[in-house]
Amino acid sequence: MSGSHIKSDSMRIEDYDLFSHMDGGTLKSMTLDFQDFDRENPKVWEMFCRFAHEAIASGRKVLSASLIVERIRWEVFVVTSGDDFKINNNFRAFYARKFMREYPVHGEMFRTRKSEADAA
C-alpha cells in the first residue's frame, strides 16, 4: 500500500514474549544449545564484543543484538574466507545478556524483556 505508515511505537519488540510458547524442556535445550555454540565458537563472542564496543565508541547509547549478529554474519560471509557457520537467531538474547553481565557499565545498552536467556 502506497503511502501507508506503521507507527514505530505500535510494534515494539518489548511487547512480545518470544519464549512463552515453549515448554521447559525446549527452553533448557535452547540454553544448552547456546552454551555449546558459545564454547565451540569463541570468535563469535569476540566479534560480538568488538562490534558492540565499536558502537559504544561511536556514541551509541542503545544497541540491538540483532544488528550485531547480522554484522557478524556479514563479516564471516563477505569479509573473511573462513568456514561458514550459522548463528541461531534465538542466541541473540543470550549474547546480549552475556555482554551486559560481563560489561555491567553498559548494562542498559541492550533493551530486553523477560526471557529464558536471563537464567543462562
N, C-alpha and C. Protein backbone atom coordinates (compact mmCIF):
# COMPACT_ATOMS: atom_id res chain seq x y z
N MET A 1 0.83 -1.18 0.00
CA MET A 1 0.00 0.00 0.00
C MET A 1 0.87 1.24 0.00
N SER A 2 0.71 2.03 -1.00
CA SER A 2 1.48 3.25 -1.13
C SER A 2 0.99 4.27 -0.11
N GLY A 3 1.97 4.90 0.56
CA GLY A 3 1.62 5.96 1.48
C GLY A 3 1.16 5.51 2.86
N SER A 4 1.03 4.20 3.09
CA SER A 4 0.60 3.76 4.42
C SER A 4 1.80 3.75 5.36
N HIS A 5 1.54 4.02 6.61
CA HIS A 5 2.61 4.09 7.59
C HIS A 5 2.26 3.22 8.79
N ILE A 6 3.30 2.64 9.36
CA ILE A 6 3.14 1.89 10.61
C ILE A 6 3.82 2.71 11.68
N LYS A 7 3.11 3.01 12.73
CA LYS A 7 3.71 3.75 13.82
C LYS A 7 4.79 2.90 14.45
N SER A 8 5.98 3.45 14.60
CA SER A 8 7.09 2.67 15.15
C SER A 8 6.82 2.25 16.59
N ASP A 9 6.08 3.05 17.34
CA ASP A 9 5.82 2.69 18.73
C ASP A 9 4.70 1.65 18.85
N SER A 10 4.05 1.30 17.74
CA SER A 10 2.98 0.31 17.82
C SER A 10 3.50 -1.12 17.72
N MET A 11 4.75 -1.30 17.34
CA MET A 11 5.31 -2.63 17.16
C MET A 11 6.63 -2.76 17.91
N ARG A 12 6.60 -2.56 19.20
CA ARG A 12 7.81 -2.65 20.00
C ARG A 12 8.10 -4.10 20.33
N ILE A 13 9.35 -4.50 20.16
CA ILE A 13 9.74 -5.88 20.44
C ILE A 13 9.51 -6.23 21.91
N GLU A 14 9.59 -5.24 22.78
CA GLU A 14 9.39 -5.49 24.21
C GLU A 14 7.99 -6.00 24.52
N ASP A 15 7.05 -5.78 23.60
CA ASP A 15 5.67 -6.18 23.83
C ASP A 15 5.43 -7.67 23.56
N TYR A 16 6.42 -8.35 23.07
CA TYR A 16 6.24 -9.75 22.70
C TYR A 16 7.08 -10.65 23.58
N ASP A 17 6.52 -11.74 24.01
CA ASP A 17 7.25 -12.76 24.77
C ASP A 17 7.56 -13.89 23.80
N LEU A 18 8.79 -13.91 23.32
CA LEU A 18 9.16 -14.86 22.28
C LEU A 18 9.23 -16.30 22.77
N PHE A 19 9.32 -16.49 24.08
CA PHE A 19 9.52 -17.83 24.59
C PHE A 19 8.30 -18.42 25.28
N SER A 20 7.20 -17.71 25.33
CA SER A 20 6.04 -18.18 26.09
C SER A 20 5.44 -19.44 25.50
N HIS A 21 5.63 -19.70 24.22
CA HIS A 21 5.05 -20.87 23.58
C HIS A 21 5.88 -22.14 23.80
N MET A 22 7.03 -22.02 24.42
CA MET A 22 7.91 -23.17 24.60
C MET A 22 7.71 -23.80 25.96
N ASP A 23 7.92 -25.11 26.01
CA ASP A 23 7.86 -25.78 27.31
C ASP A 23 9.24 -25.72 27.96
N GLY A 24 9.32 -26.12 29.21
CA GLY A 24 10.58 -26.05 29.97
C GLY A 24 11.70 -26.83 29.34
N GLY A 25 11.40 -27.99 28.76
CA GLY A 25 12.43 -28.80 28.12
C GLY A 25 13.03 -28.12 26.92
N THR A 26 12.20 -27.46 26.13
CA THR A 26 12.69 -26.74 24.96
C THR A 26 13.57 -25.58 25.39
N LEU A 27 13.16 -24.87 26.44
CA LEU A 27 13.95 -23.74 26.92
C LEU A 27 15.29 -24.20 27.46
N LYS A 28 15.28 -25.29 28.21
CA LYS A 28 16.53 -25.83 28.74
C LYS A 28 17.43 -26.25 27.59
N SER A 29 16.85 -26.86 26.58
CA SER A 29 17.60 -27.28 25.41
C SER A 29 18.20 -26.07 24.70
N MET A 30 17.45 -24.98 24.58
CA MET A 30 17.95 -23.78 23.92
C MET A 30 19.14 -23.22 24.68
N THR A 31 19.04 -23.20 26.00
CA THR A 31 20.14 -22.71 26.83
C THR A 31 21.37 -23.58 26.64
N LEU A 32 21.19 -24.88 26.66
CA LEU A 32 22.33 -25.79 26.46
C LEU A 32 22.90 -25.65 25.06
N ASP A 33 22.03 -25.48 24.07
CA ASP A 33 22.50 -25.29 22.69
C ASP A 33 23.34 -24.02 22.59
N PHE A 34 22.89 -22.95 23.24
CA PHE A 34 23.67 -21.72 23.23
C PHE A 34 25.02 -21.94 23.90
N GLN A 35 25.02 -22.55 25.06
CA GLN A 35 26.27 -22.77 25.78
C GLN A 35 27.26 -23.58 24.93
N ASP A 36 26.75 -24.60 24.26
CA ASP A 36 27.61 -25.41 23.38
C ASP A 36 28.15 -24.57 22.23
N PHE A 37 27.27 -23.82 21.57
CA PHE A 37 27.67 -22.99 20.45
C PHE A 37 28.71 -21.96 20.89
N ASP A 38 28.45 -21.31 22.00
CA ASP A 38 29.34 -20.27 22.51
C ASP A 38 30.73 -20.85 22.82
N ARG A 39 30.75 -22.01 23.43
CA ARG A 39 32.01 -22.67 23.77
C ARG A 39 32.77 -23.08 22.51
N GLU A 40 32.04 -23.58 21.51
CA GLU A 40 32.66 -24.09 20.29
C GLU A 40 33.01 -22.99 19.28
N ASN A 41 32.48 -21.78 19.48
CA ASN A 41 32.69 -20.68 18.54
C ASN A 41 33.10 -19.40 19.28
N PRO A 42 34.25 -19.40 19.92
CA PRO A 42 34.66 -18.22 20.70
C PRO A 42 34.84 -16.97 19.84
N LYS A 43 35.10 -17.13 18.55
CA LYS A 43 35.26 -15.97 17.67
C LYS A 43 33.95 -15.17 17.56
N VAL A 44 32.83 -15.85 17.68
CA VAL A 44 31.54 -15.14 17.62
C VAL A 44 31.45 -14.18 18.79
N TRP A 45 31.79 -14.64 19.97
CA TRP A 45 31.75 -13.78 21.15
C TRP A 45 32.75 -12.63 21.00
N GLU A 46 33.94 -12.92 20.50
CA GLU A 46 34.93 -11.87 20.29
C GLU A 46 34.40 -10.80 19.33
N MET A 47 33.77 -11.22 18.24
CA MET A 47 33.21 -10.26 17.29
C MET A 47 32.05 -9.50 17.90
N PHE A 48 31.19 -10.19 18.66
CA PHE A 48 30.06 -9.53 19.30
C PHE A 48 30.57 -8.39 20.18
N CYS A 49 31.58 -8.68 21.00
CA CYS A 49 32.14 -7.66 21.89
C CYS A 49 32.80 -6.54 21.10
N ARG A 50 33.57 -6.90 20.07
CA ARG A 50 34.26 -5.89 19.27
C ARG A 50 33.26 -4.93 18.62
N PHE A 51 32.20 -5.48 18.01
CA PHE A 51 31.23 -4.63 17.33
C PHE A 51 30.40 -3.81 18.31
N ALA A 52 30.09 -4.38 19.47
CA ALA A 52 29.36 -3.62 20.49
C ALA A 52 30.22 -2.46 20.98
N HIS A 53 31.50 -2.71 21.23
CA HIS A 53 32.39 -1.64 21.69
C HIS A 53 32.63 -0.59 20.61
N GLU A 54 32.65 -0.99 19.35
CA GLU A 54 32.75 -0.01 18.27
C GLU A 54 31.53 0.91 18.28
N ALA A 55 30.36 0.33 18.48
CA ALA A 55 29.14 1.14 18.53
C ALA A 55 29.14 2.08 19.73
N ILE A 56 29.60 1.58 20.86
CA ILE A 56 29.69 2.40 22.07
C ILE A 56 30.66 3.56 21.84
N ALA A 57 31.82 3.26 21.25
CA ALA A 57 32.82 4.30 20.98
C ALA A 57 32.31 5.35 20.00
N SER A 58 31.37 4.96 19.13
CA SER A 58 30.82 5.93 18.17
C SER A 58 29.73 6.80 18.80
N GLY A 59 29.40 6.53 20.06
CA GLY A 59 28.42 7.35 20.77
C GLY A 59 27.04 6.73 20.90
N ARG A 60 26.86 5.51 20.43
CA ARG A 60 25.55 4.86 20.55
C ARG A 60 25.24 4.56 22.01
N LYS A 61 24.03 4.84 22.40
CA LYS A 61 23.58 4.58 23.77
C LYS A 61 22.74 3.32 23.87
N VAL A 62 22.10 2.96 22.77
CA VAL A 62 21.26 1.77 22.71
C VAL A 62 21.67 0.99 21.47
N LEU A 63 21.66 -0.33 21.61
CA LEU A 63 22.12 -1.18 20.53
C LEU A 63 21.23 -2.40 20.43
N SER A 64 21.20 -2.98 19.26
CA SER A 64 20.40 -4.18 19.01
C SER A 64 21.32 -5.38 18.85
N ALA A 65 21.04 -6.45 19.60
CA ALA A 65 21.80 -7.68 19.43
C ALA A 65 21.61 -8.23 18.02
N SER A 66 20.44 -8.00 17.45
CA SER A 66 20.18 -8.45 16.07
C SER A 66 21.13 -7.76 15.10
N LEU A 67 21.33 -6.48 15.28
CA LEU A 67 22.24 -5.73 14.43
C LEU A 67 23.65 -6.31 14.50
N ILE A 68 24.10 -6.60 15.70
CA ILE A 68 25.44 -7.15 15.87
C ILE A 68 25.55 -8.53 15.24
N VAL A 69 24.56 -9.39 15.46
CA VAL A 69 24.60 -10.73 14.88
C VAL A 69 24.61 -10.65 13.35
N GLU A 70 23.83 -9.73 12.79
CA GLU A 70 23.85 -9.58 11.32
C GLU A 70 25.21 -9.08 10.85
N ARG A 71 25.83 -8.22 11.61
CA ARG A 71 27.18 -7.77 11.24
C ARG A 71 28.17 -8.92 11.29
N ILE A 72 28.05 -9.77 12.30
CA ILE A 72 28.91 -10.95 12.38
C ILE A 72 28.71 -11.83 11.15
N ARG A 73 27.45 -12.04 10.79
CA ARG A 73 27.16 -12.84 9.60
C ARG A 73 27.80 -12.21 8.36
N TRP A 74 27.71 -10.90 8.24
CA TRP A 74 28.31 -10.19 7.11
C TRP A 74 29.83 -10.40 7.10
N GLU A 75 30.45 -10.20 8.24
CA GLU A 75 31.90 -10.33 8.32
C GLU A 75 32.35 -11.73 7.92
N VAL A 76 31.65 -12.74 8.40
CA VAL A 76 32.04 -14.11 8.10
C VAL A 76 31.75 -14.45 6.65
N PHE A 77 30.62 -14.00 6.14
CA PHE A 77 30.20 -14.36 4.79
C PHE A 77 30.92 -13.57 3.71
N VAL A 78 31.10 -12.28 3.93
CA VAL A 78 31.63 -11.40 2.88
C VAL A 78 33.10 -11.06 3.09
N VAL A 79 33.47 -10.69 4.29
CA VAL A 79 34.80 -10.15 4.53
C VAL A 79 35.86 -11.25 4.67
N THR A 80 35.54 -12.31 5.35
CA THR A 80 36.53 -13.37 5.57
C THR A 80 36.31 -14.51 4.60
N SER A 81 37.28 -15.37 4.54
CA SER A 81 37.13 -16.57 3.71
C SER A 81 37.14 -17.81 4.59
N GLY A 82 36.80 -17.63 5.85
CA GLY A 82 36.81 -18.74 6.80
C GLY A 82 35.62 -19.67 6.62
N ASP A 83 35.54 -20.62 7.51
CA ASP A 83 34.44 -21.59 7.48
C ASP A 83 33.11 -20.89 7.72
N ASP A 84 32.09 -21.37 7.04
CA ASP A 84 30.74 -20.87 7.30
C ASP A 84 30.22 -21.47 8.60
N PHE A 85 29.43 -20.74 9.30
CA PHE A 85 28.73 -21.25 10.47
C PHE A 85 27.40 -20.52 10.55
N LYS A 86 26.50 -21.08 11.29
CA LYS A 86 25.19 -20.47 11.43
C LYS A 86 24.95 -20.12 12.88
N ILE A 87 24.48 -18.90 13.08
CA ILE A 87 24.11 -18.45 14.42
C ILE A 87 22.60 -18.49 14.51
N ASN A 88 22.10 -19.28 15.43
CA ASN A 88 20.67 -19.37 15.67
C ASN A 88 20.17 -18.01 16.16
N ASN A 89 19.11 -17.50 15.57
CA ASN A 89 18.57 -16.21 16.00
C ASN A 89 18.19 -16.20 17.47
N ASN A 90 17.84 -17.35 18.02
CA ASN A 90 17.49 -17.40 19.44
C ASN A 90 18.68 -17.06 20.33
N PHE A 91 19.90 -17.16 19.80
CA PHE A 91 21.08 -16.89 20.60
C PHE A 91 21.32 -15.40 20.82
N ARG A 92 20.65 -14.55 20.06
CA ARG A 92 20.85 -13.11 20.22
C ARG A 92 20.57 -12.66 21.65
N ALA A 93 19.49 -13.15 22.22
CA ALA A 93 19.15 -12.77 23.60
C ALA A 93 20.22 -13.22 24.58
N PHE A 94 20.79 -14.38 24.33
CA PHE A 94 21.84 -14.89 25.21
C PHE A 94 23.10 -14.03 25.10
N TYR A 95 23.48 -13.67 23.88
CA TYR A 95 24.67 -12.84 23.71
C TYR A 95 24.48 -11.45 24.31
N ALA A 96 23.31 -10.87 24.15
CA ALA A 96 23.05 -9.55 24.75
C ALA A 96 23.20 -9.60 26.26
N ARG A 97 22.63 -10.60 26.88
CA ARG A 97 22.70 -10.72 28.33
C ARG A 97 24.11 -11.04 28.80
N LYS A 98 24.80 -11.86 28.05
CA LYS A 98 26.20 -12.17 28.39
C LYS A 98 27.03 -10.88 28.36
N PHE A 99 26.83 -10.06 27.33
CA PHE A 99 27.56 -8.80 27.23
C PHE A 99 27.26 -7.91 28.43
N MET A 100 25.99 -7.79 28.79
CA MET A 100 25.62 -6.91 29.91
C MET A 100 26.16 -7.43 31.24
N ARG A 101 26.26 -8.76 31.37
CA ARG A 101 26.86 -9.33 32.60
C ARG A 101 28.36 -9.06 32.64
N GLU A 102 29.04 -9.23 31.53
CA GLU A 102 30.49 -9.09 31.50
C GLU A 102 30.94 -7.62 31.46
N TYR A 103 30.07 -6.75 31.00
CA TYR A 103 30.38 -5.32 30.93
C TYR A 103 29.24 -4.55 31.60
N PRO A 104 29.13 -4.66 32.92
CA PRO A 104 27.98 -4.05 33.61
C PRO A 104 27.89 -2.54 33.45
N VAL A 105 28.99 -1.88 33.14
CA VAL A 105 28.93 -0.45 32.91
C VAL A 105 28.04 -0.12 31.70
N HIS A 106 27.85 -1.10 30.83
CA HIS A 106 26.98 -0.94 29.66
C HIS A 106 25.70 -1.76 29.82
N GLY A 107 25.26 -1.93 31.04
CA GLY A 107 24.12 -2.77 31.35
C GLY A 107 22.80 -2.36 30.73
N GLU A 108 22.72 -1.13 30.25
CA GLU A 108 21.48 -0.66 29.63
C GLU A 108 21.62 -0.52 28.12
N MET A 109 22.71 -1.05 27.57
CA MET A 109 22.98 -0.93 26.14
C MET A 109 21.92 -1.66 25.31
N PHE A 110 21.51 -2.83 25.79
CA PHE A 110 20.51 -3.63 25.07
C PHE A 110 19.20 -3.58 25.83
N ARG A 111 18.13 -3.26 25.14
CA ARG A 111 16.81 -3.28 25.75
C ARG A 111 16.31 -4.72 25.71
N THR A 112 15.93 -5.24 26.83
CA THR A 112 15.50 -6.63 26.90
C THR A 112 14.16 -6.74 27.59
N ARG A 113 13.59 -7.88 27.46
CA ARG A 113 12.37 -8.22 28.21
C ARG A 113 12.62 -9.57 28.84
N LYS A 114 11.77 -9.98 29.72
CA LYS A 114 11.94 -11.25 30.42
C LYS A 114 12.10 -12.39 29.41
N SER A 115 13.10 -13.22 29.66
CA SER A 115 13.44 -14.28 28.73
C SER A 115 14.14 -15.40 29.47
N GLU A 116 14.09 -16.58 28.93
CA GLU A 116 14.84 -17.70 29.49
C GLU A 116 16.34 -17.44 29.42
N ALA A 117 16.75 -16.57 28.53
CA ALA A 117 18.16 -16.21 28.45
C ALA A 117 18.62 -15.51 29.71
N ASP A 118 17.67 -14.98 30.50
CA ASP A 118 18.03 -14.32 31.76
C ASP A 118 18.69 -15.30 32.74
N ALA A 119 18.29 -16.54 32.66
CA ALA A 119 18.80 -17.53 33.60
C ALA A 119 20.10 -18.18 33.13
N ALA A 120 20.47 -17.93 31.89
CA ALA A 120 21.68 -18.58 31.34
C ALA A 120 22.93 -17.95 31.87
